[in-house]
PDB file of N, CA and C in Angstrom:
ATOM      1  N   MET A   1      13.719   6.272  13.079  1.00  0.00           N
ATOM      2  CA  MET A   1      12.510   7.042  13.358  1.00  0.00           C
ATOM      3  C   MET A   1      11.289   6.448  12.742  1.00  0.00           C
ATOM      4  N   LEU A   2      10.239   6.212  13.503  1.00  0.00           N
ATOM      5  CA  LEU A   2       9.045   5.675  12.984  1.00  0.00           C
ATOM      6  C   LEU A   2       8.183   6.748  12.208  1.00  0.00           C
ATOM      7  N   ILE A   3       7.630   6.273  11.120  1.00  0.00           N
ATOM      8  CA  ILE A   3       6.677   7.048  10.436  1.00  0.00           C
ATOM      9  C   ILE A   3       5.411   6.298  10.175  1.00  0.00           C
ATOM     10  N   ALA A   4       4.265   7.034  10.034  1.00  0.00           N
ATOM     11  CA  ALA A   4       2.984   6.361   9.920  1.00  0.00           C
ATOM     12  C   ALA A   4       2.306   6.917   8.560  1.00  0.00           C
ATOM     13  N   ARG A   5       1.775   6.053   7.845  1.00  0.00           N
ATOM     14  CA  ARG A   5       1.109   6.420   6.557  1.00  0.00           C
ATOM     15  C   ARG A   5      -0.265   5.674   6.449  1.00  0.00           C
ATOM     16  N   LYS A   6      -1.194   6.366   5.650  1.00  0.00           N
ATOM     17  CA  LYS A   6      -2.417   5.745   5.281  1.00  0.00           C
ATOM     18  C   LYS A   6      -2.367   5.653   3.705  1.00  0.00           C
ATOM     19  N   TYR A   7      -2.525   4.333   3.263  1.00  0.00           N
ATOM     20  CA  TYR A   7      -2.512   4.084   1.841  1.00  0.00           C
ATOM     21  C   TYR A   7      -3.889   3.775   1.394  1.00  0.00           C
ATOM     22  N   LEU A   8      -4.208   4.142   0.181  1.00  0.00           N
ATOM     23  CA  LEU A   8      -5.509   3.769  -0.450  1.00  0.00           C
ATOM     24  C   LEU A   8      -5.054   3.063  -1.828  1.00  0.00           C
ATOM     25  N   ILE A   9      -5.447   1.836  -1.865  1.00  0.00           N
ATOM     26  CA  ILE A   9      -4.956   0.988  -3.118  1.00  0.00           C
ATOM     27  C   ILE A   9      -6.216   0.787  -3.922  1.00  0.00           C
ATOM     28  N   LYS A  10      -6.088   1.115  -5.203  1.00  0.00           N
ATOM     29  CA  LYS A  10      -7.185   0.985  -6.166  1.00  0.00           C
ATOM     30  C   LYS A  10      -6.794  -0.089  -7.214  1.00  0.00           C
ATOM     31  N   GLY A  11      -7.862  -0.620  -7.814  1.00  0.00           N
ATOM     32  CA  GLY A  11      -7.660  -1.633  -8.882  1.00  0.00           C
ATOM     33  C   GLY A  11      -8.458  -2.872  -8.505  1.00  0.00           C
ATOM     34  N   ARG A  12      -7.953  -4.076  -9.037  1.00  0.00           N
ATOM     35  CA  ARG A  12      -8.521  -5.302  -8.686  1.00  0.00           C
ATOM     36  C   ARG A  12      -7.759  -5.764  -7.425  1.00  0.00           C
ATOM     37  N   VAL A  13      -8.226  -5.302  -6.224  1.00  0.00           N
ATOM     38  CA  VAL A  13      -7.515  -5.586  -5.035  1.00  0.00           C
ATOM     39  C   VAL A  13      -8.288  -6.283  -3.962  1.00  0.00           C
ATOM     40  N   GLN A  14      -9.519  -6.564  -4.266  1.00  0.00           N
ATOM     41  CA  GLN A  14     -10.384  -7.386  -3.361  1.00  0.00           C
ATOM     42  C   GLN A  14     -10.672  -8.782  -3.998  1.00  0.00           C
ATOM     43  N   GLY A  15     -10.668  -9.780  -3.078  1.00  0.00           N
ATOM     44  CA  GLY A  15     -10.862 -11.155  -3.543  1.00  0.00           C
ATOM     45  C   GLY A  15      -9.636 -11.760  -4.241  1.00  0.00           C
ATOM     46  N   VAL A  16      -8.429 -11.136  -3.953  1.00  0.00           N
ATOM     47  CA  VAL A  16      -7.167 -11.634  -4.451  1.00  0.00           C
ATOM     48  C   VAL A  16      -6.097 -11.784  -3.382  1.00  0.00           C
ATOM     49  N   PHE A  17      -6.570 -11.859  -2.159  1.00  0.00           N
ATOM     50  CA  PHE A  17      -5.691 -12.039  -0.954  1.00  0.00           C
ATOM     51  C   PHE A  17      -4.761 -10.842  -0.735  1.00  0.00           C
ATOM     52  N   PHE A  18      -5.254  -9.670  -1.161  1.00  0.00           N
ATOM     53  CA  PHE A  18      -4.346  -8.453  -1.004  1.00  0.00           C
ATOM     54  C   PHE A  18      -4.061  -8.126   0.486  1.00  0.00           C
ATOM     55  N   ARG A  19      -5.125  -8.161   1.264  1.00  0.00           N
ATOM     56  CA  ARG A  19      -4.908  -7.851   2.769  1.00  0.00           C
ATOM     57  C   ARG A  19      -4.034  -8.875   3.387  1.00  0.00           C
ATOM     58  N   THR A  20      -4.196 -10.163   3.088  1.00  0.00           N
ATOM     59  CA  THR A  20      -3.423 -11.204   3.686  1.00  0.00           C
ATOM     60  C   THR A  20      -1.932 -11.101   3.303  1.00  0.00           C
ATOM     61  N   THR A  21      -1.706 -10.922   2.022  1.00  0.00           N
ATOM     62  CA  THR A  21      -0.257 -10.812   1.598  1.00  0.00           C
ATOM     63  C   THR A  21       0.353  -9.557   2.071  1.00  0.00           C
ATOM     64  N   ALA A  22      -0.462  -8.444   2.160  1.00  0.00           N
ATOM     65  CA  ALA A  22       0.083  -7.136   2.697  1.00  0.00           C
ATOM     66  C   ALA A  22       0.427  -7.344   4.199  1.00  0.00           C
ATOM     67  N   ALA A  23      -0.331  -8.119   4.886  1.00  0.00           N
ATOM     68  CA  ALA A  23       0.020  -8.385   6.320  1.00  0.00           C
ATOM     69  C   ALA A  23       1.339  -9.171   6.429  1.00  0.00           C
ATOM     70  N   LEU A  24       1.505 -10.191   5.530  1.00  0.00           N
ATOM     71  CA  LEU A  24       2.729 -10.984   5.576  1.00  0.00           C
ATOM     72  C   LEU A  24       3.921 -10.119   5.177  1.00  0.00           C
ATOM     73  N   LYS A  25       3.774  -9.282   4.210  1.00  0.00           N
ATOM     74  CA  LYS A  25       4.923  -8.458   3.752  1.00  0.00           C
ATOM     75  C   LYS A  25       5.190  -7.385   4.900  1.00  0.00           C
ATOM     76  N   ALA A  26       4.207  -6.877   5.548  1.00  0.00           N
ATOM     77  CA  ALA A  26       4.411  -5.944   6.623  1.00  0.00           C
ATOM     78  C   ALA A  26       5.203  -6.578   7.766  1.00  0.00           C
ATOM     79  N   GLU A  27       4.775  -7.746   8.123  1.00  0.00           N
ATOM     80  CA  GLU A  27       5.413  -8.490   9.188  1.00  0.00           C
ATOM     81  C   GLU A  27       6.948  -8.755   8.846  1.00  0.00           C
ATOM     82  N   GLU A  28       7.171  -9.130   7.584  1.00  0.00           N
ATOM     83  CA  GLU A  28       8.480  -9.411   7.116  1.00  0.00           C
ATOM     84  C   GLU A  28       9.321  -8.143   7.252  1.00  0.00           C
ATOM     85  N   LEU A  29       8.746  -6.973   7.038  1.00  0.00           N
ATOM     86  CA  LEU A  29       9.451  -5.705   7.113  1.00  0.00           C
ATOM     87  C   LEU A  29       9.487  -4.974   8.446  1.00  0.00           C
ATOM     88  N   GLY A  30       8.804  -5.611   9.455  1.00  0.00           N
ATOM     89  CA  GLY A  30       8.739  -5.057  10.816  1.00  0.00           C
ATOM     90  C   GLY A  30       7.802  -3.870  10.847  1.00  0.00           C
ATOM     91  N   ILE A  31       6.719  -3.917  10.107  1.00  0.00           N
ATOM     92  CA  ILE A  31       5.757  -2.842  10.069  1.00  0.00           C
ATOM     93  C   ILE A  31       4.511  -3.247  10.800  1.00  0.00           C
ATOM     94  N   SER A  32       3.963  -2.294  11.540  1.00  0.00           N
ATOM     95  CA  SER A  32       2.668  -2.549  12.261  1.00  0.00           C
ATOM     96  C   SER A  32       1.613  -1.874  11.445  1.00  0.00           C
ATOM     97  N   GLY A  33       0.347  -2.312  11.574  1.00  0.00           N
ATOM     98  CA  GLY A  33      -0.773  -1.651  10.969  1.00  0.00           C
ATOM     99  C   GLY A  33      -1.981  -2.488  10.784  1.00  0.00           C
ATOM    100  N   SER A  34      -2.822  -2.027   9.896  1.00  0.00           N
ATOM    101  CA  SER A  34      -4.123  -2.792   9.658  1.00  0.00           C
ATOM    102  C   SER A  34      -4.446  -2.627   8.157  1.00  0.00           C
ATOM    103  N   ALA A  35      -5.307  -3.497   7.609  1.00  0.00           N
ATOM    104  CA  ALA A  35      -5.830  -3.469   6.246  1.00  0.00           C
ATOM    105  C   ALA A  35      -7.263  -3.796   6.300  1.00  0.00           C
ATOM    106  N   VAL A  36      -7.992  -2.997   5.523  1.00  0.00           N
ATOM    107  CA  VAL A  36      -9.472  -3.235   5.367  1.00  0.00           C
ATOM    108  C   VAL A  36      -9.970  -3.031   3.985  1.00  0.00           C
ATOM    109  N   ASN A  37     -10.857  -3.910   3.581  1.00  0.00           N
ATOM    110  CA  ASN A  37     -11.576  -3.710   2.313  1.00  0.00           C
ATOM    111  C   ASN A  37     -12.583  -2.613   2.479  1.00  0.00           C
ATOM    112  N   LEU A  38     -12.646  -1.682   1.560  1.00  0.00           N
ATOM    113  CA  LEU A  38     -13.665  -0.669   1.548  1.00  0.00           C
ATOM    114  C   LEU A  38     -14.846  -0.999   0.664  1.00  0.00           C
ATOM    115  N   PRO A  39     -16.048  -0.484   0.937  1.00  0.00           N
ATOM    116  CA  PRO A  39     -17.226  -0.814   0.143  1.00  0.00           C
ATOM    117  C   PRO A  39     -17.111  -0.524  -1.377  1.00  0.00           C
ATOM    118  N   ASN A  40     -16.262   0.473  -1.743  1.00  0.00           N
ATOM    119  CA  ASN A  40     -16.151   0.776  -3.183  1.00  0.00           C
ATOM    120  C   ASN A  40     -15.150  -0.071  -3.932  1.00  0.00           C
ATOM    121  N   GLY A  41     -14.583  -1.134  -3.328  1.00  0.00           N
ATOM    122  CA  GLY A  41     -13.742  -2.091  -3.868  1.00  0.00           C
ATOM    123  C   GLY A  41     -12.182  -1.787  -3.653  1.00  0.00           C
ATOM    124  N   ASP A  42     -11.879  -0.670  -3.036  1.00  0.00           N
ATOM    125  CA  ASP A  42     -10.529  -0.267  -2.702  1.00  0.00           C
ATOM    126  C   ASP A  42     -10.079  -1.021  -1.447  1.00  0.00           C
ATOM    127  N   VAL A  43      -8.782  -0.951  -1.172  1.00  0.00           N
ATOM    128  CA  VAL A  43      -8.236  -1.426   0.140  1.00  0.00           C
ATOM    129  C   VAL A  43      -7.579  -0.284   0.855  1.00  0.00           C
ATOM    130  N   GLN A  44      -7.787  -0.097   2.052  1.00  0.00           N
ATOM    131  CA  GLN A  44      -7.070   0.938   2.843  1.00  0.00           C
ATOM    132  C   GLN A  44      -6.126   0.258   3.816  1.00  0.00           C
ATOM    133  N   ILE A  45      -4.940   0.773   3.923  1.00  0.00           N
ATOM    134  CA  ILE A  45      -3.941   0.162   4.827  1.00  0.00           C
ATOM    135  C   ILE A  45      -3.387   1.398   5.677  1.00  0.00           C
ATOM    136  N   ILE A  46      -3.316   1.160   6.983  1.00  0.00           N
ATOM    137  CA  ILE A  46      -2.641   2.106   7.870  1.00  0.00           C
ATOM    138  C   ILE A  46      -1.352   1.324   8.255  1.00  0.00           C
ATOM    139  N   ALA A  47      -0.221   2.030   8.212  1.00  0.00           N
ATOM    140  CA  ALA A  47       1.038   1.325   8.488  1.00  0.00           C
ATOM    141  C   ALA A  47       1.994   2.198   9.196  1.00  0.00           C
ATOM    142  N   SER A  48       2.872   1.634  10.074  1.00  0.00           N
ATOM    143  CA  SER A  48       3.819   2.379  10.765  1.00  0.00           C
ATOM    144  C   SER A  48       5.154   1.555  10.851  1.00  0.00           C
ATOM    145  N   GLY A  49       6.279   2.216  10.587  1.00  0.00           N
ATOM    146  CA  GLY A  49       7.490   1.500  10.634  1.00  0.00           C
ATOM    147  C   GLY A  49       8.707   2.418  10.348  1.00  0.00           C
ATOM    148  N   GLU A  50       9.879   1.916  10.293  1.00  0.00           N
ATOM    149  CA  GLU A  50      11.044   2.657  10.024  1.00  0.00           C
ATOM    150  C   GLU A  50      10.928   3.126   8.544  1.00  0.00           C
ATOM    151  N   GLU A  51      11.464   4.262   8.204  1.00  0.00           N
ATOM    152  CA  GLU A  51      11.370   4.837   6.852  1.00  0.00           C
ATOM    153  C   GLU A  51      11.823   3.932   5.704  1.00  0.00           C
ATOM    154  N   GLU A  52      12.948   3.214   5.905  1.00  0.00           N
ATOM    155  CA  GLU A  52      13.407   2.303   4.808  1.00  0.00           C
ATOM    156  C   GLU A  52      12.401   1.090   4.506  1.00  0.00           C
ATOM    157  N   SER A  53      11.877   0.619   5.696  1.00  0.00           N
ATOM    158  CA  SER A  53      10.899  -0.475   5.577  1.00  0.00           C
ATOM    159  C   SER A  53       9.597   0.078   4.932  1.00  0.00           C
ATOM    160  N   MET A  54       9.189   1.247   5.349  1.00  0.00           N
ATOM    161  CA  MET A  54       7.970   1.842   4.731  1.00  0.00           C
ATOM    162  C   MET A  54       8.089   2.058   3.249  1.00  0.00           C
ATOM    163  N   GLN A  55       9.296   2.467   2.828  1.00  0.00           N
ATOM    164  CA  GLN A  55       9.545   2.708   1.438  1.00  0.00           C
ATOM    165  C   GLN A  55       9.443   1.357   0.638  1.00  0.00           C
ATOM    166  N   ALA A  56      10.000   0.332   1.207  1.00  0.00           N
ATOM    167  CA  ALA A  56       9.889  -0.993   0.517  1.00  0.00           C
ATOM    168  C   ALA A  56       8.464  -1.496   0.535  1.00  0.00           C
ATOM    169  N   PHE A  57       7.721  -1.228   1.588  1.00  0.00           N
ATOM    170  CA  PHE A  57       6.294  -1.586   1.623  1.00  0.00           C
ATOM    171  C   PHE A  57       5.499  -0.897   0.589  1.00  0.00           C
ATOM    172  N   PHE A  58       5.752   0.491   0.529  1.00  0.00           N
ATOM    173  CA  PHE A  58       5.050   1.366  -0.474  1.00  0.00           C
ATOM    174  C   PHE A  58       5.233   0.778  -1.924  1.00  0.00           C
ATOM    175  N   GLU A  59       6.530   0.425  -2.205  1.00  0.00           N
ATOM    176  CA  GLU A  59       6.858  -0.171  -3.580  1.00  0.00           C
ATOM    177  C   GLU A  59       6.084  -1.446  -3.806  1.00  0.00           C
ATOM    178  N   TRP A  60       6.043  -2.232  -2.741  1.00  0.00           N
ATOM    179  CA  TRP A  60       5.323  -3.556  -2.858  1.00  0.00           C
ATOM    180  C   TRP A  60       3.825  -3.296  -3.067  1.00  0.00           C
ATOM    181  N   LEU A  61       3.245  -2.341  -2.440  1.00  0.00           N
ATOM    182  CA  LEU A  61       1.813  -2.055  -2.606  1.00  0.00           C
ATOM    183  C   LEU A  61       1.500  -1.802  -4.110  1.00  0.00           C
ATOM    184  N   HIS A  62       2.380  -1.247  -4.882  1.00  0.00           N
ATOM    185  CA  HIS A  62       2.148  -0.981  -6.285  1.00  0.00           C
ATOM    186  C   HIS A  62       1.970  -2.358  -7.098  1.00  0.00           C
ATOM    187  N   GLU A  63       2.553  -3.390  -6.538  1.00  0.00           N
ATOM    188  CA  GLU A  63       2.485  -4.675  -7.186  1.00  0.00           C
ATOM    189  C   GLU A  63       1.427  -5.640  -6.565  1.00  0.00           C
ATOM    190  N   GLY A  64       1.484  -5.745  -5.203  1.00  0.00           N
ATOM    191  CA  GLY A  64       0.525  -6.560  -4.505  1.00  0.00           C
ATOM    192  C   GLY A  64       0.783  -8.050  -4.842  1.00  0.00           C
ATOM    193  N   PRO A  65      -0.231  -8.912  -4.496  1.00  0.00           N
ATOM    194  CA  PRO A  65      -0.060 -10.339  -4.804  1.00  0.00           C
ATOM    195  C   PRO A  65      -0.207 -10.534  -6.338  1.00  0.00           C
ATOM    196  N   ARG A  66       0.211 -11.690  -6.788  1.00  0.00           N
ATOM    197  CA  ARG A  66       0.156 -12.010  -8.188  1.00  0.00           C
ATOM    198  C   ARG A  66      -1.236 -11.794  -8.895  1.00  0.00           C
ATOM    199  N   GLN A  67      -2.332 -12.108  -8.132  1.00  0.00           N
ATOM    200  CA  GLN A  67      -3.618 -12.044  -8.664  1.00  0.00           C
ATOM    201  C   GLN A  67      -4.163 -10.639  -8.726  1.00  0.00           C
ATOM    202  N   ALA A  68      -3.545  -9.686  -8.026  1.00  0.00           N
ATOM    203  CA  ALA A  68      -4.028  -8.309  -8.032  1.00  0.00           C
ATOM    204  C   ALA A  68      -3.625  -7.531  -9.324  1.00  0.00           C
ATOM    205  N   SER A  69      -4.351  -6.520  -9.565  1.00  0.00           N
ATOM    206  CA  SER A  69      -4.034  -5.558 -10.664  1.00  0.00           C
ATOM    207  C   SER A  69      -4.141  -4.185 -10.029  1.00  0.00           C
ATOM    208  N   VAL A  70      -3.071  -3.633  -9.447  1.00  0.00           N
ATOM    209  CA  VAL A  70      -3.150  -2.304  -8.863  1.00  0.00           C
ATOM    210  C   VAL A  70      -3.087  -1.200  -9.932  1.00  0.00           C
ATOM    211  N   THR A  71      -4.044  -0.279  -9.840  1.00  0.00           N
ATOM    212  CA  THR A  71      -4.032   0.819 -10.795  1.00  0.00           C
ATOM    213  C   THR A  71      -3.456   2.092 -10.153  1.00  0.00           C
ATOM    214  N   SER A  72      -3.582   2.228  -8.741  1.00  0.00           N
ATOM    215  CA  SER A  72      -2.957   3.407  -8.139  1.00  0.00           C
ATOM    216  C   SER A  72      -2.772   3.130  -6.586  1.00  0.00           C
ATOM    217  N   VAL A  73      -1.885   3.880  -6.062  1.00  0.00           N
ATOM    218  CA  VAL A  73      -1.658   3.850  -4.591  1.00  0.00           C
ATOM    219  C   VAL A  73      -1.466   5.234  -4.166  1.00  0.00           C
ATOM    220  N   SER A  74      -2.354   5.719  -3.387  1.00  0.00           N
ATOM    221  CA  SER A  74      -2.217   7.091  -2.768  1.00  0.00           C
ATOM    222  C   SER A  74      -1.658   6.995  -1.338  1.00  0.00           C
ATOM    223  N   CYS A  75      -0.959   7.948  -0.873  1.00  0.00           N
ATOM    224  CA  CYS A  75      -0.292   7.848   0.362  1.00  0.00           C
ATOM    225  C   CYS A  75      -0.416   9.279   1.102  1.00  0.00           C
ATOM    226  N   GLU A  76      -0.746   9.182   2.359  1.00  0.00           N
ATOM    227  CA  GLU A  76      -0.722  10.397   3.139  1.00  0.00           C
ATOM    228  C   GLU A  76      -0.280  10.127   4.612  1.00  0.00           C
ATOM    229  N   THR A  77       0.200  11.140   5.249  1.00  0.00           N
ATOM    230  CA  THR A  77       0.650  10.973   6.617  1.00  0.00           C
ATOM    231  C   THR A  77      -0.519  10.638   7.467  1.00  0.00           C
ATOM    232  N   TYR A  78      -0.299   9.762   8.498  1.00  0.00           N
ATOM    233  CA  TYR A  78      -1.323   9.288   9.369  1.00  0.00           C
ATOM    234  C   TYR A  78      -0.954   9.683  10.771  1.00  0.00           C
ATOM    235  N   ALA A  79      -1.878  10.328  11.464  1.00  0.00           N
ATOM    236  CA  ALA A  79      -1.604  10.804  12.855  1.00  0.00           C
ATOM    237  C   ALA A  79      -2.559  10.097  13.843  1.00  0.00           C
ATOM    238  N   GLY A  80      -3.303   9.098  13.463  1.00  0.00           N
ATOM    239  CA  GLY A  80      -4.192   8.411  14.389  1.00  0.00           C
ATOM    240  C   GLY A  80      -3.514   7.386  15.246  1.00  0.00           C
ATOM    241  N   GLU A  81      -4.328   6.609  15.955  1.00  0.00           N
ATOM    242  CA  GLU A  81      -3.856   5.543  16.857  1.00  0.00           C
ATOM    243  C   GLU A  81      -3.277   4.450  16.001  1.00  0.00           C
ATOM    244  N   LEU A  82      -2.122   3.954  16.429  1.00  0.00           N
ATOM    245  CA  LEU A  82      -1.436   2.807  15.655  1.00  0.00           C
ATOM    246  C   LEU A  82      -1.633   1.490  16.415  1.00  0.00           C
ATOM    247  N   PRO A  83      -2.070   0.440  15.685  1.00  0.00           N
ATOM    248  CA  PRO A  83      -2.144  -0.862  16.265  1.00  0.00           C
ATOM    249  C   PRO A  83      -0.805  -1.511  16.462  1.00  0.00           C
ATOM    250  N   GLN A  84      -0.743  -2.504  17.343  1.00  0.00           N
ATOM    251  CA  GLN A  84       0.478  -3.291  17.545  1.00  0.00           C
ATOM    252  C   GLN A  84       0.341  -4.483  16.667  1.00  0.00           C
ATOM    253  N   GLY A  85       1.404  -4.953  15.966  1.00  0.00           N
ATOM    254  CA  GLY A  85       1.292  -5.987  15.072  1.00  0.00           C
ATOM    255  C   GLY A  85       0.609  -5.550  13.735  1.00  0.00           C
ATOM    256  N   PHE A  86       0.033  -6.457  13.065  1.00  0.00           N
ATOM    257  CA  PHE A  86      -0.610  -6.094  11.799  1.00  0.00           C
ATOM    258  C   PHE A  86      -1.945  -6.889  11.737  1.00  0.00           C
ATOM    259  N   THR A  87      -3.084  -6.221  11.649  1.00  0.00           N
ATOM    260  CA  THR A  87      -4.388  -6.844  11.735  1.00  0.00           C
ATOM    261  C   THR A  87      -5.063  -6.712  10.380  1.00  0.00           C
ATOM    262  N   ILE A  88      -5.873  -7.655  10.071  1.00  0.00           N
ATOM    263  CA  ILE A  88      -6.788  -7.567   8.941  1.00  0.00           C
ATOM    264  C   ILE A  88      -8.216  -7.248   9.419  1.00  0.00           C
ATOM    265  N   ARG A  89      -8.767  -6.247   9.079  1.00  0.00           N
ATOM    266  CA  ARG A  89     -10.096  -5.744   9.589  1.00  0.00           C
ATOM    267  C   ARG A  89     -11.151  -6.268   8.561  1.00  0.00           C
ATOM    268  N   TYR A  90     -12.293  -6.537   9.070  1.00  0.00           N
ATOM    269  CA  TYR A  90     -13.471  -6.961   8.231  1.00  0.00           C
ATOM    270  C   TYR A  90     -14.588  -6.023   8.310  1.00  0.00           C
TER     271      TYR A  90
END
């Protein structure tokens, strides 16, 4: 069963390839979605996939790439339109 979530990642998450590595991890796990830098320095990710893959992705978001320093990850159900594949928005 597919589930969809919206994540808000806080910390040092811009300028450290967070969106790019999140896209690679999502593709590895078979997750579709998108990632965008927000003006306040956070990263927002919309993701959809199987529950087990989404749990692994959620756990990864707490770490991110080596250069990142994640302080928090919030998660809520997402009911909007879901993209195919994984895109990085600018």
